[in-house]
């Protein structure tokens, strides 16, 4: 695979990840090269110059493995094979190498909590093999075993247990097609370490760990009670031994980990980021924060404070493949984060959302640490309304149709304002694109110096002006965030209705929108300044 190319936006060398800009690729919706309506690795390879021009340091790929796609690829049947809809292992290796030549590293997704019900292990378990021990299979309760073994509920809604023809039940914290693995069994641990080696040896720079706090379960599988401590399957202490072992393995390759860790307790969260465990974890508190100056500042302060004791860098995330897109979320009357409260037809002011999303982009890119950018955010894409008969997300079906699911943020990207299907491919895409999708196309935005894409390109490439310095807040009126990092460079964001006076400066480096006629910062606008 050759020697690593130094990061172009983050730090050079082994600690590139501490300040990198990392772009999430949802392959199925990125670019379709073979004309079957589904994005593929060849499509990503064809668009690598676009990603290089954006200036990102790494690509995080949502699962590209062999999968029945019952949960968008997070139901993995074989970690050592690429799903044929996306390409081949040889193409993945070429993609990793070609991206590296452009200075872009690769991060792949691992889903250790569960596998697909089509995984060879689970199929052997259903046939009565010894592989039953690799899962959580239990007899039911009730006179005839007709009740689940406990009262746990699925993250997607409904019971977390499904009954098998032989009368036993198996645990699935997500969809029934995603049986949970038994992490108390040494074969499960060994297999995942082998999978990590498999991908590190193919040149990947890092691993993103899905549902990283859920792997280990209380062996007694007790009923859930809200005040139970410890929780029967979230953040159990035994999990840290797994990640310490993984860290030793990753250090052999210079690889890094980023964990999907949803925990309200900042001290418990920080334990995953100790020097001998994960390198980083997603910052969901910042993503979840409403567009409010006081709450955003508190989120930033809390995030930096919880990372400081373990010396880990913060991460800043505005969106991903599981949440409502930023433009739509910020356009919903200050409701903030609505991952758990999506509804059909929620009123949205997209112009307001776009102004705020532009300001949020400059805010997040000015903060110390790494930034994750979900595909299409750089285009200002809104959440799409998916016709009910085209929805594929299991969250919709498990909620009895009350939740529209996550497909609205996964609609295939628009590349061309004139080509069929907005240039995504030659065939109708797997999810329908809105009628106005071409108005957000890359080719149109590249010609517009004031577009969202142009803003992101300038901001990502200019981000190093903030250096590695810590954040220091500047005096500012209520509703205004102002801070400096590198000597003489500051970020100011105005979230209040009244225009804000700018601090003394010699140069305006970048603005998310125009200043008013008096040189003041309008509402929902951000600037980078040099003093």
Protein backbone atom coordinates (compact mmCIF):
# COMPACT_ATOMS: atom_id res chain seq x y z
CA UNK A 1 0.00 0.00 0.00
CA UNK A 2 3.03 2.30 0.26
CA UNK A 3 3.95 4.79 2.93
CA UNK A 4 1.27 7.00 4.51
CA UNK A 5 0.89 10.44 2.99
CA UNK A 6 0.92 13.26 5.56
CA UNK A 7 -2.44 14.78 6.39
CA UNK A 8 -3.16 18.00 4.50
CA UNK A 9 -5.43 19.69 7.03
CA UNK A 10 -4.79 17.90 10.32
CA UNK A 11 -1.41 17.27 11.90
CA UNK A 12 1.30 15.36 10.08
CA UNK A 13 2.56 12.03 11.32
CA UNK A 14 1.17 9.57 13.82
CA UNK A 15 -1.18 12.02 15.53
CA UNK A 16 -2.86 13.30 12.36
CA UNK A 17 -6.25 12.25 13.77
CA UNK A 18 -6.15 14.76 16.62
CA UNK A 19 -7.17 17.68 14.39
CA UNK A 20 -8.32 16.01 11.18
CA UNK A 21 -11.38 16.73 9.06
CA UNK A 22 -12.97 13.35 8.37
CA UNK A 23 -15.63 12.88 5.68
CA UNK A 24 -18.26 10.17 6.11
CA UNK A 25 -19.07 8.23 2.95
CA UNK A 26 -22.35 6.32 2.84
CA UNK A 27 -21.36 4.30 -0.23
CA UNK A 28 -24.87 3.30 -1.27
CA UNK A 29 -25.77 6.97 -1.80
CA UNK A 30 -22.48 8.59 -2.86
CA UNK A 31 -22.02 7.88 -6.58
CA UNK A 32 -23.22 5.09 -8.89
CA UNK A 33 -20.65 4.14 -11.53
CA UNK A 34 -22.20 0.93 -12.90
CA UNK A 35 -25.71 2.27 -13.47
CA UNK A 36 -27.70 -0.03 -11.20
CA UNK A 37 -29.13 2.70 -8.95
CA UNK A 38 -26.83 1.92 -6.01
CA UNK A 39 -23.66 3.78 -5.15
CA UNK A 40 -20.44 1.76 -5.39
CA UNK A 41 -16.71 1.84 -4.79
CA UNK A 42 -16.03 2.68 -8.42
CA UNK A 43 -18.25 5.72 -7.95
CA UNK A 44 -16.25 6.80 -4.92
CA UNK A 45 -12.97 6.29 -6.79
CA UNK A 46 -14.25 8.48 -9.62
CA UNK A 47 -15.00 11.26 -7.14
CA UNK A 48 -11.73 11.18 -5.20
CA UNK A 49 -10.56 14.41 -6.90
CA UNK A 50 -13.69 16.11 -5.53
CA UNK A 51 -12.86 14.93 -2.01
CA UNK A 52 -9.25 16.02 -2.41
CA UNK A 53 -10.43 19.46 -3.53
CA UNK A 54 -12.63 19.65 -0.43
CA UNK A 55 -9.45 19.24 1.60
CA UNK A 56 -10.47 16.43 3.95
CA UNK A 57 -7.88 14.28 5.71
CA UNK A 58 -9.71 10.97 5.86
CA UNK A 59 -12.78 9.11 4.62
CA UNK A 60 -14.92 7.12 7.03
CA UNK A 61 -16.89 4.48 5.13
CA UNK A 62 -20.15 3.20 6.56
CA UNK A 63 -20.19 -0.62 6.28
CA UNK A 64 -19.33 -1.83 2.79
CA UNK A 65 -19.27 -5.53 3.66
CA UNK A 66 -21.43 -8.41 2.43
CA UNK A 67 -24.89 -7.76 3.87
CA UNK A 68 -28.59 -8.41 3.24
CA UNK A 69 -29.04 -4.64 3.84
CA UNK A 70 -31.80 -5.02 6.41
CA UNK A 71 -30.25 -2.08 8.27
CA UNK A 72 -28.26 -0.22 5.66
CA UNK A 73 -25.27 -2.54 5.88
CA UNK A 74 -25.05 -2.58 9.67
CA UNK A 75 -26.15 -6.20 9.46
CA UNK A 76 -22.84 -7.74 8.40
CA UNK A 77 -22.68 -11.26 6.95
CA UNK A 78 -18.95 -11.32 6.14
CA UNK A 79 -16.33 -8.74 7.18
CA UNK A 80 -13.77 -10.04 4.69
CA UNK A 81 -15.94 -9.56 1.60
CA UNK A 82 -17.27 -6.40 -0.03
CA UNK A 83 -20.97 -6.51 -0.87
CA UNK A 84 -21.31 -7.18 -4.62
CA UNK A 85 -23.60 -4.14 -4.92
CA UNK A 86 -20.57 -2.01 -4.01
CA UNK A 87 -17.76 -3.90 -5.75
CA UNK A 88 -14.98 -6.26 -4.75
CA UNK A 89 -12.24 -6.51 -2.16
CA UNK A 90 -9.71 -5.72 -4.88
CA UNK A 91 -11.58 -2.47 -5.62
CA UNK A 92 -11.60 -1.57 -1.93
CA UNK A 93 -7.84 -2.06 -1.81
CA UNK A 94 -7.43 0.16 -4.88
CA UNK A 95 -9.65 2.81 -3.32
CA UNK A 96 -7.62 2.79 -0.10
CA UNK A 97 -4.38 3.13 -2.07
CA UNK A 98 -5.64 5.82 -4.48
CA UNK A 99 -7.03 7.90 -1.65
CA UNK A 100 -3.70 7.61 0.17
CA UNK A 101 -1.90 8.93 -2.89
CA UNK A 102 -4.08 12.03 -2.61
CA UNK A 103 -3.25 12.45 1.07
CA UNK A 104 -6.53 10.98 2.25
CA UNK A 105 -6.64 8.17 4.80
CA UNK A 106 -9.37 5.53 5.16
CA UNK A 107 -11.46 4.59 8.20
CA UNK A 108 -13.77 1.57 8.04
CA UNK A 109 -16.79 0.72 10.18
CA UNK A 110 -16.95 -2.30 12.50
CA UNK A 111 -20.26 -3.42 14.06
CA UNK A 112 -19.19 -5.64 16.99
CA UNK A 113 -22.48 -5.77 18.91
CA UNK A 114 -24.22 -7.97 16.36
CA UNK A 115 -24.05 -9.68 12.98
CA UNK A 116 -26.55 -10.42 10.24
CA UNK A 117 -28.92 -13.35 10.67
CA UNK A 118 -27.31 -14.55 7.42
CA UNK A 119 -23.85 -14.71 9.02
CA UNK A 120 -22.42 -18.28 8.91
CA UNK A 121 -22.24 -18.35 12.70
CA UNK A 122 -25.92 -17.63 13.18
CA UNK A 123 -27.00 -20.01 10.45
CA UNK A 124 -24.96 -22.74 12.13
CA UNK A 125 -26.51 -21.81 15.48
CA UNK A 126 -29.99 -22.21 14.02
CA UNK A 127 -28.98 -25.63 12.77
CA UNK A 128 -28.17 -26.64 16.35
CA UNK A 129 -24.40 -26.27 16.17
CA UNK A 130 -21.99 -25.24 18.90
CA UNK A 131 -22.19 -21.70 17.47
CA UNK A 132 -25.30 -21.24 19.64
CA UNK A 133 -22.87 -20.28 22.40
CA UNK A 134 -21.73 -17.29 20.33
CA UNK A 135 -25.16 -15.65 20.73
CA UNK A 136 -27.62 -14.99 23.54
CA UNK A 137 -30.13 -17.83 23.18
CA UNK A 138 -32.42 -18.49 26.12
CA UNK A 139 -35.57 -20.34 27.03
CA UNK A 140 -38.62 -18.14 27.34
CA UNK A 141 -40.66 -17.36 30.42
CA UNK A 142 -44.24 -18.37 31.04
CA UNK A 143 -45.81 -21.78 31.36
CA UNK A 144 -44.78 -22.78 27.85
CA UNK A 145 -41.85 -20.45 27.24
CA UNK A 146 -44.14 -18.16 25.28
CA UNK A 147 -42.79 -14.97 26.88
CA UNK A 148 -39.37 -13.38 26.15
CA UNK A 149 -36.58 -14.16 28.64
CA UNK A 150 -36.65 -10.57 29.94
CA UNK A 151 -38.32 -7.22 29.30
CA UNK A 152 -35.60 -5.54 27.23
CA UNK A 153 -36.74 -3.48 24.25
CA UNK A 154 -35.04 -3.00 20.91
CA UNK A 155 -33.32 0.29 20.04
CA UNK A 156 -35.61 0.25 16.99
CA UNK A 157 -38.77 -0.33 19.03
CA UNK A 158 -40.58 -3.50 20.06
CA UNK A 159 -39.15 -6.42 22.02
CA UNK A 160 -35.42 -7.22 21.90
CA UNK A 161 -36.14 -10.94 21.59
CA UNK A 162 -37.37 -13.15 18.75
CA UNK A 163 -38.51 -16.74 19.19
CA UNK A 164 -37.00 -19.52 17.12
CA UNK A 165 -38.87 -22.56 15.78
CA UNK A 166 -37.29 -24.74 18.49
CA UNK A 167 -38.90 -22.55 21.16
CA UNK A 168 -35.79 -20.69 22.33
CA UNK A 169 -35.41 -16.93 22.00
CA UNK A 170 -32.44 -14.91 20.72
CA UNK A 171 -31.44 -11.38 21.74
CA UNK A 172 -31.25 -8.50 19.27
CA UNK A 173 -30.89 -4.96 20.64
CA UNK A 174 -31.58 -3.71 17.12
CA UNK A 175 -33.56 -5.46 14.35
CA UNK A 176 -34.48 -9.18 14.48
CA UNK A 177 -32.13 -9.64 11.52
CA UNK A 178 -29.23 -8.49 13.76
CA UNK A 179 -28.63 -11.10 16.50
CA UNK A 180 -26.38 -9.89 19.33
CA UNK A 181 -23.07 -11.63 19.85
CA UNK A 182 -21.99 -13.12 23.16
CA UNK A 183 -18.84 -11.22 24.06
CA UNK A 184 -18.16 -13.52 26.99
CA UNK A 185 -17.11 -16.18 24.48
CA UNK A 186 -13.40 -16.07 23.49
CA UNK A 187 -14.16 -16.96 19.87
CA UNK A 188 -16.10 -13.71 19.46
CA UNK A 189 -13.16 -11.68 20.74
CA UNK A 190 -10.66 -13.57 18.60
CA UNK A 191 -12.71 -13.18 15.43
CA UNK A 192 -13.00 -9.44 15.82
CA UNK A 193 -9.29 -9.03 16.46
CA UNK A 194 -8.65 -11.04 13.29
CA UNK A 195 -11.02 -8.74 11.40
CA UNK A 196 -9.16 -5.67 12.69
CA UNK A 197 -5.86 -7.12 11.50
CA UNK A 198 -7.41 -7.99 8.14
CA UNK A 199 -8.28 -4.35 7.45
CA UNK A 200 -5.22 -2.75 9.01
CA UNK A 201 -3.10 -4.97 6.79
CA UNK A 202 -4.98 -3.61 3.78
CA UNK A 203 -3.92 -0.09 4.61
CA UNK A 204 -6.81 1.40 6.54
CA UNK A 205 -5.77 4.07 9.02
CA UNK A 206 -8.59 3.66 11.50
CA UNK A 207 -11.70 1.86 12.66
CA UNK A 208 -15.03 3.38 13.67
CA UNK A 209 -16.78 1.21 16.29
CA UNK A 210 -20.56 1.10 16.03
CA UNK A 211 -22.61 1.00 19.28
CA UNK A 212 -19.34 0.77 21.17
CA UNK A 213 -20.84 0.76 24.68
CA UNK A 214 -23.33 -2.09 24.13
CA UNK A 215 -21.22 -5.19 23.52
CA UNK A 216 -21.07 -6.76 27.00
CA UNK A 217 -24.27 -7.92 28.71
CA UNK A 218 -24.97 -8.89 32.30
CA UNK A 219 -24.77 -12.72 32.09
CA UNK A 220 -27.94 -13.02 34.17
CA UNK A 221 -29.87 -10.97 31.56
CA UNK A 222 -32.02 -9.34 34.29
CA UNK A 223 -35.13 -7.27 33.65
CA UNK A 224 -34.44 -3.59 33.05
CA UNK A 225 -35.24 -1.04 35.72
CA UNK A 226 -34.42 2.68 35.21
CA UNK A 227 -32.47 2.96 38.47
CA UNK A 228 -30.46 -0.24 37.99
CA UNK A 229 -26.71 0.27 38.40
CA UNK A 230 -24.92 -1.01 36.49
CA UNK A 231 -27.13 -1.04 33.43
CA UNK A 232 -27.61 -4.63 32.20
CA UNK A 233 -26.12 -3.97 28.75
CA UNK A 234 -24.80 -0.39 28.49
CA UNK A 235 -21.28 0.58 29.55
CA UNK A 236 -20.37 -2.50 31.60
CA UNK A 237 -16.87 -2.38 33.09
CA UNK A 238 -15.80 -5.62 31.41
CA UNK A 239 -15.98 -3.84 28.06
CA UNK A 240 -12.81 -1.86 28.74
CA UNK A 241 -10.71 -5.02 28.66
CA UNK A 242 -11.91 -5.58 25.08
CA UNK A 243 -10.79 -2.13 23.99
CA UNK A 244 -7.47 -2.34 25.79
CA UNK A 245 -6.75 -5.48 23.79
CA UNK A 246 -7.84 -3.75 20.58
CA UNK A 247 -5.62 -0.76 21.33
CA UNK A 248 -2.56 -2.97 21.66
CA UNK A 249 -3.38 -4.45 18.28
CA UNK A 250 -3.98 -1.07 16.62
CA UNK A 251 -0.69 0.28 17.97
CA UNK A 252 1.12 -2.41 15.98
CA UNK A 253 -0.16 -0.75 12.81
CA UNK A 254 -0.34 2.88 13.89
CA UNK A 255 -4.12 2.61 13.58
CA UNK A 256 -6.72 4.68 15.41
CA UNK A 257 -10.20 4.06 16.80
CA UNK A 258 -13.26 6.29 17.04
CA UNK A 259 -16.11 4.97 19.14
CA UNK A 260 -19.82 5.57 18.86
CA UNK A 261 -20.36 6.05 22.59
CA UNK A 262 -23.69 7.52 23.73
CA UNK A 263 -23.33 8.09 27.50
CA UNK A 264 -24.77 10.90 29.65
CA UNK A 265 -22.11 10.48 32.36
CA UNK A 266 -19.02 12.43 31.26
CA UNK A 267 -16.72 10.58 33.64
CA UNK A 268 -17.86 7.19 32.34
CA UNK A 269 -17.54 8.50 28.78
CA UNK A 270 -13.95 9.62 29.36
CA UNK A 271 -12.93 6.14 30.51
CA UNK A 272 -13.21 4.95 26.92
CA UNK A 273 -10.61 7.56 25.93
CA UNK A 274 -7.88 6.63 28.36
CA UNK A 275 -4.45 6.34 26.70
CA UNK A 276 -4.66 2.55 26.47
CA UNK A 277 -8.20 2.38 25.01
CA UNK A 278 -9.93 4.30 22.18
CA UNK A 279 -8.31 7.31 20.57
CA UNK A 280 -11.51 9.33 20.12
CA UNK A 281 -15.29 9.09 20.43
CA UNK A 282 -18.13 10.95 18.77
CA UNK A 283 -19.41 14.04 20.54
CA UNK A 284 -23.16 13.61 20.45
CA UNK A 285 -23.81 16.36 23.00
CA UNK A 286 -22.71 19.01 20.50
CA UNK A 287 -24.72 17.45 17.69
CA UNK A 288 -27.76 17.29 19.97
CA UNK A 289 -27.54 20.90 21.11
CA UNK A 290 -30.22 23.38 19.96
CA UNK A 291 -29.22 26.59 18.18
CA UNK A 292 -28.78 28.56 21.39
CA UNK A 293 -25.61 30.46 22.34
CA UNK A 294 -25.63 29.62 26.04
CA UNK A 295 -26.29 25.93 25.48
CA UNK A 296 -23.73 25.66 22.69
CA UNK A 297 -21.07 27.30 24.86
CA UNK A 298 -21.92 24.95 27.72
CA UNK A 299 -21.70 21.97 25.39
CA UNK A 300 -18.30 23.11 24.11
CA UNK A 301 -16.98 23.72 27.64
CA UNK A 302 -18.29 20.39 28.91
CA UNK A 303 -16.81 18.53 25.94
CA UNK A 304 -13.35 20.04 26.37
CA UNK A 305 -13.46 19.48 30.13
CA UNK A 306 -14.40 15.81 29.88
CA UNK A 307 -11.63 15.10 27.36
CA UNK A 308 -8.89 17.02 29.19
CA UNK A 309 -8.18 14.52 32.03
CA UNK A 310 -7.37 11.73 29.58
CA UNK A 311 -5.58 13.91 27.01
CA UNK A 312 -7.91 12.93 24.18
CA UNK A 313 -8.98 15.36 21.46
CA UNK A 314 -12.62 16.35 21.18
CA UNK A 315 -14.64 15.54 18.08
CA UNK A 316 -17.27 17.82 16.57
CA UNK A 317 -20.15 16.40 14.56
CA UNK A 318 -23.13 18.23 13.05
CA UNK A 319 -24.73 15.28 11.27
CA UNK A 320 -24.39 11.64 10.23
CA UNK A 321 -26.33 8.85 8.55
CA UNK A 322 -28.64 8.41 11.56
CA UNK A 323 -29.91 11.94 12.20
CA UNK A 324 -31.95 14.64 10.50
CA UNK A 325 -29.78 16.79 8.25
CA UNK A 326 -28.44 20.01 9.74
CA UNK A 327 -30.25 22.43 7.41
CA UNK A 328 -33.61 20.88 8.29
CA UNK A 329 -32.87 20.45 11.99
CA UNK A 330 -31.77 24.07 12.44
CA UNK A 331 -34.77 25.25 10.46
CA UNK A 332 -37.31 23.77 12.87
CA UNK A 333 -38.20 26.64 15.21
CA UNK A 334 -35.32 26.14 17.65
CA UNK A 335 -36.38 22.59 18.44
CA UNK A 336 -32.76 21.53 18.13
CA UNK A 337 -32.03 17.84 17.95
CA UNK A 338 -34.96 15.69 16.84
CA UNK A 339 -33.40 12.23 16.39
CA UNK A 340 -35.83 10.77 18.93
CA UNK A 341 -38.77 12.94 17.92
CA UNK A 342 -39.01 12.83 14.14
CA UNK A 343 -42.43 13.34 12.66
CA UNK A 344 -43.90 13.45 9.18
CA UNK A 345 -44.49 16.95 7.83
CA UNK A 346 -42.74 18.90 10.60
CA UNK A 347 -42.74 22.61 9.56
CA UNK A 348 -39.28 23.71 8.45
CA UNK A 349 -37.82 27.05 7.37
CA UNK A 350 -35.02 25.89 5.07
CA UNK A 351 -33.66 29.39 4.48
CA UNK A 352 -33.26 29.85 8.23
CA UNK A 353 -31.77 26.37 8.52
CA UNK A 354 -29.25 27.07 5.77
CA UNK A 355 -28.05 30.31 7.42
CA UNK A 356 -27.59 28.52 10.70
CA UNK A 357 -25.91 25.53 9.08
CA UNK A 358 -23.39 27.83 7.40
CA UNK A 359 -22.62 29.51 10.72
CA UNK A 360 -22.43 26.14 12.49
CA UNK A 361 -19.91 24.94 9.90
CA UNK A 362 -17.53 27.80 10.75
CA UNK A 363 -18.13 27.30 14.46
CA UNK A 364 -17.35 23.57 14.41
CA UNK A 365 -14.32 23.93 12.14
CA UNK A 366 -12.84 26.57 14.45
CA UNK A 367 -12.99 24.36 17.55
CA UNK A 368 -9.98 22.35 18.79
CA UNK A 369 -10.05 18.67 17.88
CA UNK A 370 -11.28 16.62 14.94
CA UNK A 371 -14.34 17.38 12.79
CA UNK A 372 -16.59 14.81 11.10
CA UNK A 373 -18.46 15.88 7.97
CA UNK A 374 -21.29 13.71 6.64
CA UNK A 375 -21.60 13.52 2.87
CA UNK A 376 -23.93 16.18 1.49
CA UNK A 377 -23.51 18.55 4.42
CA UNK A 378 -21.01 20.46 2.32
CA UNK A 379 -23.82 20.90 -0.22
CA UNK A 380 -26.35 22.12 2.32
CA UNK A 381 -28.71 19.25 1.57
CA UNK A 382 -31.97 19.27 3.54
CA UNK A 383 -33.71 16.20 4.89
CA UNK A 384 -35.76 14.59 2.12
CA UNK A 385 -39.33 13.42 2.55
CA UNK A 386 -39.43 9.79 1.44
CA UNK A 387 -42.76 8.42 0.17
CA UNK A 388 -44.05 5.88 2.64
CA UNK A 389 -43.99 3.09 0.07
CA UNK A 390 -40.27 3.72 -0.59
CA UNK A 391 -39.05 3.77 3.03
CA UNK A 392 -36.53 1.03 3.80
CA UNK A 393 -35.33 1.92 7.31
CA UNK A 394 -36.34 -0.70 9.92
CA UNK A 395 -36.88 2.09 12.46
CA UNK A 396 -39.99 3.05 10.51
CA UNK A 397 -41.44 -0.43 10.52
CA UNK A 398 -40.50 -1.24 14.11
CA UNK A 399 -42.23 1.97 15.24
CA UNK A 400 -45.46 0.90 13.59
CA UNK A 401 -45.02 3.64 10.99
CA UNK A 402 -44.91 6.53 13.51
CA UNK A 403 -41.22 7.30 12.87
CA UNK A 404 -40.30 8.19 9.26
CA UNK A 405 -36.87 6.66 9.90
CA UNK A 406 -33.45 7.73 8.69
CA UNK A 407 -33.76 7.37 4.93
CA UNK A 408 -34.34 11.10 4.51
CA UNK A 409 -30.68 11.84 5.27
CA UNK A 410 -29.47 8.99 3.03
CA UNK A 411 -30.84 10.13 -0.34
CA UNK A 412 -28.25 9.78 -3.16
CA UNK A 413 -26.12 12.86 -3.76
CA UNK A 414 -26.70 15.36 -6.58
CA UNK A 415 -23.62 15.82 -8.75
CA UNK A 416 -25.01 17.43 -11.91
CA UNK A 417 -27.70 20.04 -12.40
CA UNK A 418 -28.46 18.81 -15.92
CA UNK A 419 -27.91 15.03 -15.96
CA UNK A 420 -30.64 12.50 -15.19
CA UNK A 421 -30.98 11.64 -11.52
CA UNK A 422 -28.89 14.72 -10.69
CA UNK A 423 -25.80 12.93 -11.96
CA UNK A 424 -25.84 10.22 -9.29
CA UNK A 425 -25.97 7.54 -11.98
CA UNK A 426 -27.75 6.51 -15.15
CA UNK A 427 -30.50 4.51 -13.42
CA UNK A 428 -33.17 5.57 -10.95
CA UNK A 429 -31.51 5.58 -7.51
CA UNK A 430 -32.44 3.19 -4.72
CA UNK A 431 -34.07 6.05 -2.79
CA UNK A 432 -36.01 8.74 -4.68
CA UNK A 433 -34.45 12.17 -4.99
CA UNK A 434 -36.65 15.24 -4.39
CA UNK A 435 -37.76 17.16 -7.48
CA UNK A 436 -35.46 20.09 -6.67
CA UNK A 437 -32.39 17.97 -5.85
CA UNK A 438 -30.46 19.19 -8.88
CA UNK A 439 -30.57 22.73 -7.49
CA UNK A 440 -28.07 21.54 -4.85
CA UNK A 441 -25.78 19.83 -7.37
CA UNK A 442 -22.02 19.98 -7.10
CA UNK A 443 -21.50 21.46 -10.58
CA UNK A 444 -23.86 24.35 -9.82
CA UNK A 445 -22.30 25.07 -6.43
CA UNK A 446 -18.76 24.97 -7.84
CA UNK A 447 -19.68 27.91 -10.07
CA UNK A 448 -21.11 29.93 -7.17
CA UNK A 449 -18.51 31.52 -4.85
CA UNK A 450 -21.22 32.03 -2.22
CA UNK A 451 -22.51 28.44 -2.21
CA UNK A 452 -22.33 26.10 0.76
CA UNK A 453 -19.74 24.00 -1.07
CA UNK A 454 -17.52 27.02 -1.70
CA UNK A 455 -17.80 27.98 1.96
CA UNK A 456 -16.80 24.50 3.13
CA UNK A 457 -13.86 24.32 0.72
CA UNK A 458 -12.48 27.62 1.97
CA UNK A 459 -13.12 26.79 5.62
CA UNK A 460 -11.56 23.30 5.56
CA UNK A 461 -8.45 24.56 3.82
CA UNK A 462 -8.16 27.65 6.04
CA UNK A 463 -8.75 25.73 9.28
CA UNK A 464 -5.04 25.31 10.10
CA UNK A 465 -4.84 29.05 10.89
CA UNK A 466 -6.24 28.12 14.31
CA UNK A 467 -3.23 25.88 14.97
CA UNK A 468 -3.13 23.60 18.00
CA UNK A 469 -3.79 26.30 20.56
CA UNK A 470 -6.50 25.83 23.23
CA UNK A 471 -9.77 27.71 23.13
CA UNK A 472 -10.10 30.99 25.06
CA UNK A 473 -13.46 32.74 25.27
CA UNK A 474 -13.60 36.46 24.53
CA UNK A 475 -16.01 38.92 26.18
CA UNK A 476 -19.24 39.01 24.18
CA UNK A 477 -22.87 40.06 24.71
CA UNK A 478 -25.56 37.49 25.42
CA UNK A 479 -26.38 35.50 22.31
CA UNK A 480 -22.89 35.87 20.82
CA UNK A 481 -20.07 33.33 20.93
CA UNK A 482 -16.54 34.67 20.51
CA UNK A 483 -13.29 32.85 21.11
CA UNK A 484 -9.68 32.82 20.04
CA UNK A 485 -7.20 29.99 19.61
CA UNK A 486 -4.11 30.77 17.59
CA UNK A 487 -2.59 34.13 18.44
CA UNK A 488 -4.61 36.82 16.72
CA UNK A 489 -7.21 34.55 15.09
CA UNK A 490 -10.75 34.39 16.46
CA UNK A 491 -14.22 33.07 15.64
CA UNK A 492 -17.41 35.03 16.31
CA UNK A 493 -20.94 33.66 15.94
CA UNK A 494 -24.05 35.79 16.41
CA UNK A 495 -27.17 33.87 17.44
CA UNK A 496 -29.20 36.84 18.73
CA UNK A 497 -31.67 38.97 16.78
CA UNK A 498 -29.61 42.18 17.00
CA UNK A 499 -26.48 42.68 14.88
CA UNK A 500 -23.23 42.27 16.82
CA UNK A 501 -20.19 44.53 16.76
CA UNK A 502 -17.04 42.71 15.72
CA UNK A 503 -13.94 42.78 17.95
CA UNK A 504 -10.91 44.71 16.72
CA UNK A 505 -9.35 42.97 13.75
CA UNK A 506 -7.08 43.67 10.80
CA UNK A 507 -8.62 41.20 8.38
CA UNK A 508 -11.84 39.30 7.86
CA UNK A 509 -10.67 35.82 6.90
CA UNK A 510 -14.00 34.14 6.22
CA UNK A 511 -17.71 34.78 6.77
CA UNK A 512 -20.73 32.51 6.56
CA UNK A 513 -22.78 35.43 5.20
CA UNK A 514 -22.46 39.16 4.45
CA UNK A 515 -22.03 41.77 7.16
CA UNK A 516 -24.61 44.54 7.40
CA UNK A 517 -24.07 48.03 5.98
CA UNK A 518 -22.42 49.13 9.23
CA UNK A 519 -19.95 46.26 9.23
CA UNK A 520 -21.77 44.39 11.99
CA UNK A 521 -22.45 40.66 12.22
CA UNK A 522 -26.10 39.79 11.46
CA UNK A 523 -28.10 37.13 13.27
CA UNK A 524 -27.15 33.50 12.50
CA UNK A 525 -23.83 34.48 10.95
CA UNK A 526 -20.25 33.54 11.81
CA UNK A 527 -16.86 35.00 10.92
CA UNK A 528 -13.20 34.17 11.30
CA UNK A 529 -11.03 37.21 12.00
CA UNK A 530 -7.34 38.00 12.27
CA UNK A 531 -6.55 40.55 14.97
